[in-house]
C-alpha cells in the first residue's frame, strides 16, 4: 500500500516538475541551458517514467526515457 502511494506521488511530482520547467522557460524566468531547468526535466521525467512503468503504460515510459537522455546530455554539456 505504501509503495502504491509512493508511485502516485512520484507521478504527480513528475508532471508538476515538467510543467513548472516548461512554464519557467516560456515566461523567460529560466534559460533552456540552466541547471534548474534541466534538473526539473530530468527528475520530472523520472517520476513519470516510474509511475508509468508500474502502471504498465509503456508509451510514456519510452517518451520519458528519451526525455531523461536529453536532460542528461544537456547537464553533461553544461557541466563540462
PDB file of N, CA and C in Angstrom:
ATOM      1  N   UNK A   1       0.818  -1.195   0.000  1.00  0.00           N
ATOM      2  CA  UNK A   1       0.000   0.000   0.000  1.00  0.00           C
ATOM      3  C   UNK A   1       0.867   1.267   0.000  1.00  0.00           C
ATOM      4  N   UNK A   2       1.933   1.258   0.803  1.00  0.00           N
ATOM      5  CA  UNK A   2       2.821   2.418   0.850  1.00  0.00           C
ATOM      6  C   UNK A   2       3.488   2.622  -0.505  1.00  0.00           C
ATOM      7  N   UNK A   3       3.888   1.518  -1.142  1.00  0.00           N
ATOM      8  CA  UNK A   3       4.528   1.627  -2.450  1.00  0.00           C
ATOM      9  C   UNK A   3       3.591   2.267  -3.468  1.00  0.00           C
ATOM     10  N   UNK A   4       2.327   1.899  -3.426  1.00  0.00           N
ATOM     11  CA  UNK A   4       1.348   2.434  -4.368  1.00  0.00           C
ATOM     12  C   UNK A   4       1.238   3.954  -4.214  1.00  0.00           C
ATOM     13  N   UNK A   5       1.205   4.429  -2.975  1.00  0.00           N
ATOM     14  CA  UNK A   5       1.135   5.872  -2.731  1.00  0.00           C
ATOM     15  C   UNK A   5       2.417   6.564  -3.183  1.00  0.00           C
ATOM     16  N   UNK A   6       3.565   5.927  -2.954  1.00  0.00           N
ATOM     17  CA  UNK A   6       4.837   6.498  -3.380  1.00  0.00           C
ATOM     18  C   UNK A   6       4.875   6.655  -4.893  1.00  0.00           C
ATOM     19  N   UNK A   7       4.411   5.655  -5.629  1.00  0.00           N
ATOM     20  CA  UNK A   7       4.396   5.740  -7.091  1.00  0.00           C
ATOM     21  C   UNK A   7       3.463   6.845  -7.566  1.00  0.00           C
ATOM     22  N   UNK A   8       2.343   7.016  -6.889  1.00  0.00           N
ATOM     23  CA  UNK A   8       1.416   8.106  -7.226  1.00  0.00           C
ATOM     24  C   UNK A   8       2.078   9.457  -6.979  1.00  0.00           C
ATOM     25  N   UNK A   9       2.757   9.592  -5.843  1.00  0.00           N
ATOM     26  CA  UNK A   9       3.444  10.841  -5.527  1.00  0.00           C
ATOM     27  C   UNK A   9       4.519  11.136  -6.564  1.00  0.00           C
ATOM     28  N   UNK A  10       5.289  10.112  -6.949  1.00  0.00           N
ATOM     29  CA  UNK A  10       6.320  10.297  -7.970  1.00  0.00           C
ATOM     30  C   UNK A  10       5.713  10.759  -9.297  1.00  0.00           C
ATOM     31  N   UNK A  11       4.594  10.171  -9.677  1.00  0.00           N
ATOM     32  CA  UNK A  11       3.922  10.562 -10.913  1.00  0.00           C
ATOM     33  C   UNK A  11       3.453  12.007 -10.866  1.00  0.00           C
ATOM     34  N   UNK A  12       2.848  12.397  -9.750  1.00  0.00           N
ATOM     35  CA  UNK A  12       2.381  13.781  -9.605  1.00  0.00           C
ATOM     36  C   UNK A  12       3.547  14.752  -9.539  1.00  0.00           C
ATOM     37  N   UNK A  13       4.620  14.358  -8.851  1.00  0.00           N
ATOM     38  CA  UNK A  13       5.816  15.209  -8.841  1.00  0.00           C
ATOM     39  C   UNK A  13       6.319  15.381 -10.275  1.00  0.00           C
ATOM     40  N   UNK A  14       6.364  14.283 -11.016  1.00  0.00           N
ATOM     41  CA  UNK A  14       6.890  14.314 -12.379  1.00  0.00           C
ATOM     42  C   UNK A  14       6.164  15.304 -13.272  1.00  0.00           C
ATOM     43  N   UNK A  15       4.851  15.220 -13.290  1.00  0.00           N
ATOM     44  CA  UNK A  15       4.123  16.143 -14.170  1.00  0.00           C
ATOM     45  C   UNK A  15       4.245  17.581 -13.675  1.00  0.00           C
ATOM     46  N   UNK A  16       4.294  17.750 -12.369  1.00  0.00           N
ATOM     47  CA  UNK A  16       4.455  19.102 -11.822  1.00  0.00           C
ATOM     48  C   UNK A  16       5.808  19.679 -12.202  1.00  0.00           C
ATOM     49  N   UNK A  17       6.868  18.899 -12.051  1.00  0.00           N
ATOM     50  CA  UNK A  17       8.217  19.375 -12.369  1.00  0.00           C
ATOM     51  C   UNK A  17       8.351  19.729 -13.847  1.00  0.00           C
ATOM     52  N   UNK A  18       7.830  18.890 -14.727  1.00  0.00           N
ATOM     53  CA  UNK A  18       7.929  19.150 -16.164  1.00  0.00           C
ATOM     54  C   UNK A  18       7.120  20.398 -16.532  1.00  0.00           C
ATOM     55  N   UNK A  19       5.936  20.536 -15.956  1.00  0.00           N
ATOM     56  CA  UNK A  19       5.115  21.719 -16.255  1.00  0.00           C
ATOM     57  C   UNK A  19       5.730  23.000 -15.694  1.00  0.00           C
ATOM     58  N   UNK A  20       6.308  22.916 -14.510  1.00  0.00           N
ATOM     59  CA  UNK A  20       6.977  24.091 -13.937  1.00  0.00           C
ATOM     60  C   UNK A  20       8.162  24.478 -14.820  1.00  0.00           C
ATOM     61  N   UNK A  21       8.951  23.496 -15.235  1.00  0.00           N
ATOM     62  CA  UNK A  21      10.104  23.772 -16.100  1.00  0.00           C
ATOM     63  C   UNK A  21       9.652  24.450 -17.393  1.00  0.00           C
ATOM     64  N   UNK A  22       8.627  23.905 -18.015  1.00  0.00           N
ATOM     65  CA  UNK A  22       8.117  24.469 -19.267  1.00  0.00           C
ATOM     66  C   UNK A  22       7.592  25.885 -19.052  1.00  0.00           C
ATOM     67  N   UNK A  23       6.872  26.086 -17.962  1.00  0.00           N
ATOM     68  CA  UNK A  23       6.329  27.414 -17.658  1.00  0.00           C
ATOM     69  C   UNK A  23       7.445  28.437 -17.454  1.00  0.00           C
ATOM     70  N   UNK A  24       8.486  28.046 -16.705  1.00  0.00           N
ATOM     71  CA  UNK A  24       9.580  28.971 -16.429  1.00  0.00           C
ATOM     72  C   UNK A  24      10.361  29.340 -17.686  1.00  0.00           C
ATOM     73  N   UNK A  25      10.466  28.408 -18.615  1.00  0.00           N
ATOM     74  CA  UNK A  25      11.121  28.701 -19.898  1.00  0.00           C
ATOM     75  C   UNK A  25      10.236  29.617 -20.739  1.00  0.00           C
ATOM     76  N   UNK A  26       8.963  29.293 -20.819  1.00  0.00           N
ATOM     77  CA  UNK A  26       8.028  30.067 -21.632  1.00  0.00           C
ATOM     78  C   UNK A  26       7.910  31.510 -21.131  1.00  0.00           C
ATOM     79  N   UNK A  27       7.918  31.674 -19.825  1.00  0.00           N
ATOM     80  CA  UNK A  27       7.803  33.012 -19.229  1.00  0.00           C
ATOM     81  C   UNK A  27       9.160  33.721 -19.120  1.00  0.00           C
ATOM     82  N   UNK A  28      10.191  33.092 -19.649  1.00  0.00           N
ATOM     83  CA  UNK A  28      11.549  33.646 -19.681  1.00  0.00           C
ATOM     84  C   UNK A  28      12.110  33.935 -18.292  1.00  0.00           C
ATOM     85  N   UNK A  29      11.735  33.083 -17.336  1.00  0.00           N
ATOM     86  CA  UNK A  29      12.299  33.161 -15.989  1.00  0.00           C
ATOM     87  C   UNK A  29      13.627  32.402 -15.961  1.00  0.00           C
ATOM     88  N   UNK A  30      13.699  31.311 -16.722  1.00  0.00           N
ATOM     89  CA  UNK A  30      14.916  30.492 -16.819  1.00  0.00           C
ATOM     90  C   UNK A  30      15.362  30.425 -18.269  1.00  0.00           C
ATOM     91  N   UNK A  31      16.635  30.098 -18.446  1.00  0.00           N
ATOM     92  CA  UNK A  31      17.160  29.797 -19.773  1.00  0.00           C
ATOM     93  C   UNK A  31      17.142  28.289 -19.984  1.00  0.00           C
ATOM     94  N   UNK A  32      17.079  27.874 -21.230  1.00  0.00           N
ATOM     95  CA  UNK A  32      16.995  26.439 -21.523  1.00  0.00           C
ATOM     96  C   UNK A  32      18.251  25.674 -21.118  1.00  0.00           C
ATOM     97  N   UNK A  33      19.347  26.361 -20.911  1.00  0.00           N
ATOM     98  CA  UNK A  33      20.569  25.689 -20.505  1.00  0.00           C
ATOM     99  C   UNK A  33      20.878  25.904 -19.010  1.00  0.00           C
ATOM    100  N   UNK A  34      19.861  26.275 -18.228  1.00  0.00           N
ATOM    101  CA  UNK A  34      20.092  26.423 -16.786  1.00  0.00           C
ATOM    102  C   UNK A  34      20.005  25.064 -16.102  1.00  0.00           C
ATOM    103  N   UNK A  35      20.763  24.935 -15.049  1.00  0.00           N
ATOM    104  CA  UNK A  35      20.798  23.672 -14.301  1.00  0.00           C
ATOM    105  C   UNK A  35      19.429  23.364 -13.687  1.00  0.00           C
ATOM    106  N   UNK A  36      18.717  24.377 -13.244  1.00  0.00           N
ATOM    107  CA  UNK A  36      17.398  24.176 -12.635  1.00  0.00           C
ATOM    108  C   UNK A  36      16.430  23.600 -13.659  1.00  0.00           C
ATOM    109  N   UNK A  37      16.425  24.169 -14.849  1.00  0.00           N
ATOM    110  CA  UNK A  37      15.538  23.691 -15.910  1.00  0.00           C
ATOM    111  C   UNK A  37      15.829  22.230 -16.256  1.00  0.00           C
ATOM    112  N   UNK A  38      17.102  21.929 -16.458  1.00  0.00           N
ATOM    113  CA  UNK A  38      17.480  20.560 -16.819  1.00  0.00           C
ATOM    114  C   UNK A  38      17.190  19.583 -15.681  1.00  0.00           C
ATOM    115  N   UNK A  39      17.427  19.999 -14.442  1.00  0.00           N
ATOM    116  CA  UNK A  39      17.149  19.146 -13.289  1.00  0.00           C
ATOM    117  C   UNK A  39      15.653  18.872 -13.152  1.00  0.00           C
ATOM    118  N   UNK A  40      14.825  19.900 -13.327  1.00  0.00           N
ATOM    119  CA  UNK A  40      13.373  19.703 -13.265  1.00  0.00           C
ATOM    120  C   UNK A  40      12.910  18.733 -14.348  1.00  0.00           C
ATOM    121  N   UNK A  41      13.451  18.869 -15.554  1.00  0.00           N
ATOM    122  CA  UNK A  41      13.083  17.950 -16.634  1.00  0.00           C
ATOM    123  C   UNK A  41      13.554  16.530 -16.348  1.00  0.00           C
ATOM    124  N   UNK A  42      14.772  16.394 -15.860  1.00  0.00           N
ATOM    125  CA  UNK A  42      15.322  15.073 -15.560  1.00  0.00           C
ATOM    126  C   UNK A  42      14.513  14.382 -14.465  1.00  0.00           C
ATOM    127  N   UNK A  43      14.313  15.055 -13.350  1.00  0.00           N
ATOM    128  CA  UNK A  43      13.603  14.417 -12.232  1.00  0.00           C
ATOM    129  C   UNK A  43      12.113  14.254 -12.524  1.00  0.00           C
ATOM    130  N   UNK A  44      11.555  15.206 -13.253  1.00  0.00           N
ATOM    131  CA  UNK A  44      10.144  15.086 -13.631  1.00  0.00           C
ATOM    132  C   UNK A  44       9.906  13.891 -14.539  1.00  0.00           C
ATOM    133  N   UNK A  45      10.769  13.749 -15.536  1.00  0.00           N
ATOM    134  CA  UNK A  45      10.654  12.604 -16.449  1.00  0.00           C
ATOM    135  C   UNK A  45      10.852  11.290 -15.701  1.00  0.00           C
ATOM    136  N   UNK A  46      11.767  11.289 -14.740  1.00  0.00           N
ATOM    137  CA  UNK A  46      11.989  10.063 -13.951  1.00  0.00           C
ATOM    138  C   UNK A  46      10.750   9.695 -13.144  1.00  0.00           C
ATOM    139  N   UNK A  47      10.111  10.682 -12.546  1.00  0.00           N
ATOM    140  CA  UNK A  47       8.883  10.414 -11.781  1.00  0.00           C
ATOM    141  C   UNK A  47       7.776   9.857 -12.658  1.00  0.00           C
ATOM    142  N   UNK A  48       7.591  10.468 -13.824  1.00  0.00           N
ATOM    143  CA  UNK A  48       6.563   9.984 -14.760  1.00  0.00           C
ATOM    144  C   UNK A  48       6.918   8.588 -15.259  1.00  0.00           C
ATOM    145  N   UNK A  49       8.195   8.367 -15.557  1.00  0.00           N
ATOM    146  CA  UNK A  49       8.644   7.061 -16.039  1.00  0.00           C
ATOM    147  C   UNK A  49       8.341   5.961 -15.017  1.00  0.00           C
ATOM    148  N   UNK A  50       8.688   6.182 -13.763  1.00  0.00           N
ATOM    149  CA  UNK A  50       8.450   5.178 -12.720  1.00  0.00           C
ATOM    150  C   UNK A  50       6.965   4.891 -12.579  1.00  0.00           C
ATOM    151  N   UNK A  51       6.170   5.933 -12.505  1.00  0.00           N
ATOM    152  CA  UNK A  51       4.718   5.749 -12.364  1.00  0.00           C
ATOM    153  C   UNK A  51       4.142   4.999 -13.564  1.00  0.00           C
ATOM    154  N   UNK A  52       4.559   5.392 -14.763  1.00  0.00           N
ATOM    155  CA  UNK A  52       4.040   4.750 -15.979  1.00  0.00           C
ATOM    156  C   UNK A  52       4.469   3.297 -16.077  1.00  0.00           C
ATOM    157  N   UNK A  53       5.704   3.012 -15.705  1.00  0.00           N
ATOM    158  CA  UNK A  53       6.194   1.634 -15.752  1.00  0.00           C
ATOM    159  C   UNK A  53       5.406   0.739 -14.801  1.00  0.00           C
ATOM    160  N   UNK A  54       5.165   1.218 -13.600  1.00  0.00           N
ATOM    161  CA  UNK A  54       4.395   0.444 -12.616  1.00  0.00           C
ATOM    162  C   UNK A  54       2.981   0.186 -13.129  1.00  0.00           C
ATOM    163  N   UNK A  55       2.408   1.179 -13.806  1.00  0.00           N
ATOM    164  CA  UNK A  55       1.045   1.049 -14.352  1.00  0.00           C
ATOM    165  C   UNK A  55       1.018   0.277 -15.671  1.00  0.00           C
ATOM    166  N   UNK A  56       2.208  -0.129 -16.161  1.00  0.00           N
ATOM    167  CA  UNK A  56       2.336  -0.835 -17.436  1.00  0.00           C
ATOM    168  C   UNK A  56       1.794  -0.009 -18.610  1.00  0.00           C
ATOM    169  N   UNK A  57       2.062   1.294 -18.550  1.00  0.00           N
ATOM    170  CA  UNK A  57       1.674   2.227 -19.600  1.00  0.00           C
ATOM    171  C   UNK A  57       2.961   2.616 -20.322  1.00  0.00           C
ATOM    172  N   UNK A  58       3.303   1.865 -21.354  1.00  0.00           N
ATOM    173  CA  UNK A  58       4.649   1.905 -21.901  1.00  0.00           C
ATOM    174  C   UNK A  58       4.952   3.061 -22.854  1.00  0.00           C
ATOM    175  N   UNK A  59       3.949   3.695 -23.441  1.00  0.00           N
ATOM    176  CA  UNK A  59       4.247   4.847 -24.298  1.00  0.00           C
ATOM    177  C   UNK A  59       4.902   5.973 -23.494  1.00  0.00           C
ATOM    178  N   UNK A  60       4.364   6.363 -22.331  1.00  0.00           N
ATOM    179  CA  UNK A  60       5.060   7.393 -21.544  1.00  0.00           C
ATOM    180  C   UNK A  60       6.425   6.929 -21.035  1.00  0.00           C
ATOM    181  N   UNK A  61       6.600   5.637 -20.847  1.00  0.00           N
ATOM    182  CA  UNK A  61       7.910   5.118 -20.430  1.00  0.00           C
ATOM    183  C   UNK A  61       8.943   5.442 -21.499  1.00  0.00           C
ATOM    184  N   UNK A  62       8.632   5.123 -22.755  1.00  0.00           N
ATOM    185  CA  UNK A  62       9.565   5.382 -23.853  1.00  0.00           C
ATOM    186  C   UNK A  62       9.814   6.885 -23.994  1.00  0.00           C
ATOM    187  N   UNK A  63       8.758   7.675 -23.982  1.00  0.00           N
ATOM    188  CA  UNK A  63       8.896   9.124 -24.096  1.00  0.00           C
ATOM    189  C   UNK A  63       9.804   9.682 -23.000  1.00  0.00           C
ATOM    190  N   UNK A  64       9.626   9.222 -21.783  1.00  0.00           N
ATOM    191  CA  UNK A  64      10.382   9.773 -20.665  1.00  0.00           C
ATOM    192  C   UNK A  64      11.803   9.230 -20.575  1.00  0.00           C
ATOM    193  N   UNK A  65      12.064   8.071 -21.137  1.00  0.00           N
ATOM    194  CA  UNK A  65      13.454   7.615 -21.267  1.00  0.00           C
ATOM    195  C   UNK A  65      14.199   8.584 -22.190  1.00  0.00           C
ATOM    196  N   UNK A  66      13.578   8.932 -23.300  1.00  0.00           N
ATOM    197  CA  UNK A  66      14.183   9.876 -24.239  1.00  0.00           C
ATOM    198  C   UNK A  66      14.341  11.248 -23.578  1.00  0.00           C
ATOM    199  N   UNK A  67      13.330  11.677 -22.830  1.00  0.00           N
ATOM    200  CA  UNK A  67      13.354  12.965 -22.125  1.00  0.00           C
ATOM    201  C   UNK A  67      14.525  13.000 -21.141  1.00  0.00           C
ATOM    202  N   UNK A  68      14.727  11.908 -20.418  1.00  0.00           N
ATOM    203  CA  UNK A  68      15.827  11.806 -19.453  1.00  0.00           C
ATOM    204  C   UNK A  68      17.178  11.873 -20.166  1.00  0.00           C
ATOM    205  N   UNK A  69      17.314  11.157 -21.274  1.00  0.00           N
ATOM    206  CA  UNK A  69      18.570  11.170 -22.034  1.00  0.00           C
ATOM    207  C   UNK A  69      18.888  12.593 -22.497  1.00  0.00           C
ATOM    208  N   UNK A  70      17.894  13.298 -23.013  1.00  0.00           N
ATOM    209  CA  UNK A  70      18.109  14.672 -23.475  1.00  0.00           C
ATOM    210  C   UNK A  70      18.531  15.564 -22.299  1.00  0.00           C
ATOM    211  N   UNK A  71      17.843  15.434 -21.167  1.00  0.00           N
ATOM    212  CA  UNK A  71      18.190  16.238 -19.990  1.00  0.00           C
ATOM    213  C   UNK A  71      19.596  15.906 -19.498  1.00  0.00           C
ATOM    214  N   UNK A  72      19.949  14.621 -19.494  1.00  0.00           N
ATOM    215  CA  UNK A  72      21.297  14.226 -19.071  1.00  0.00           C
ATOM    216  C   UNK A  72      22.363  14.789 -20.008  1.00  0.00           C
ATOM    217  N   UNK A  73      22.112  14.719 -21.311  1.00  0.00           N
ATOM    218  CA  UNK A  73      23.072  15.271 -22.272  1.00  0.00           C
ATOM    219  C   UNK A  73      23.238  16.774 -22.061  1.00  0.00           C
ATOM    220  N   UNK A  74      22.138  17.463 -21.801  1.00  0.00           N
ATOM    221  CA  UNK A  74      22.210  18.892 -21.523  1.00  0.00           C
ATOM    222  C   UNK A  74      22.992  19.195 -20.268  1.00  0.00           C
ATOM    223  N   UNK A  75      22.774  18.408 -19.220  1.00  0.00           N
ATOM    224  CA  UNK A  75      23.517  18.601 -17.969  1.00  0.00           C
ATOM    225  C   UNK A  75      25.013  18.322 -18.156  1.00  0.00           C
ATOM    226  N   UNK A  76      25.321  17.259 -18.874  1.00  0.00           N
ATOM    227  CA  UNK A  76      26.727  16.925 -19.126  1.00  0.00           C
ATOM    228  C   UNK A  76      27.398  18.054 -19.907  1.00  0.00           C
ATOM    229  N   UNK A  77      26.721  18.524 -20.929  1.00  0.00           N
ATOM    230  CA  UNK A  77      27.260  19.609 -21.743  1.00  0.00           C
ATOM    231  C   UNK A  77      27.459  20.875 -20.897  1.00  0.00           C
ATOM    232  N   UNK A  78      26.534  21.151 -20.020  1.00  0.00           N
ATOM    233  CA  UNK A  78      26.611  22.333 -19.167  1.00  0.00           C
ATOM    234  C   UNK A  78      27.750  22.231 -18.154  1.00  0.00           C
ATOM    235  N   UNK A  79      27.941  21.030 -17.624  1.00  0.00           N
ATOM    236  CA  UNK A  79      28.930  20.852 -16.566  1.00  0.00           C
ATOM    237  C   UNK A  79      30.355  20.659 -17.078  1.00  0.00           C
ATOM    238  N   UNK A  80      30.503  20.350 -18.355  1.00  0.00           N
ATOM    239  CA  UNK A  80      31.855  20.160 -18.908  1.00  0.00           C
ATOM    240  C   UNK A  80      32.415  21.392 -19.564  1.00  0.00           C
TER     241      UNK A  80
END
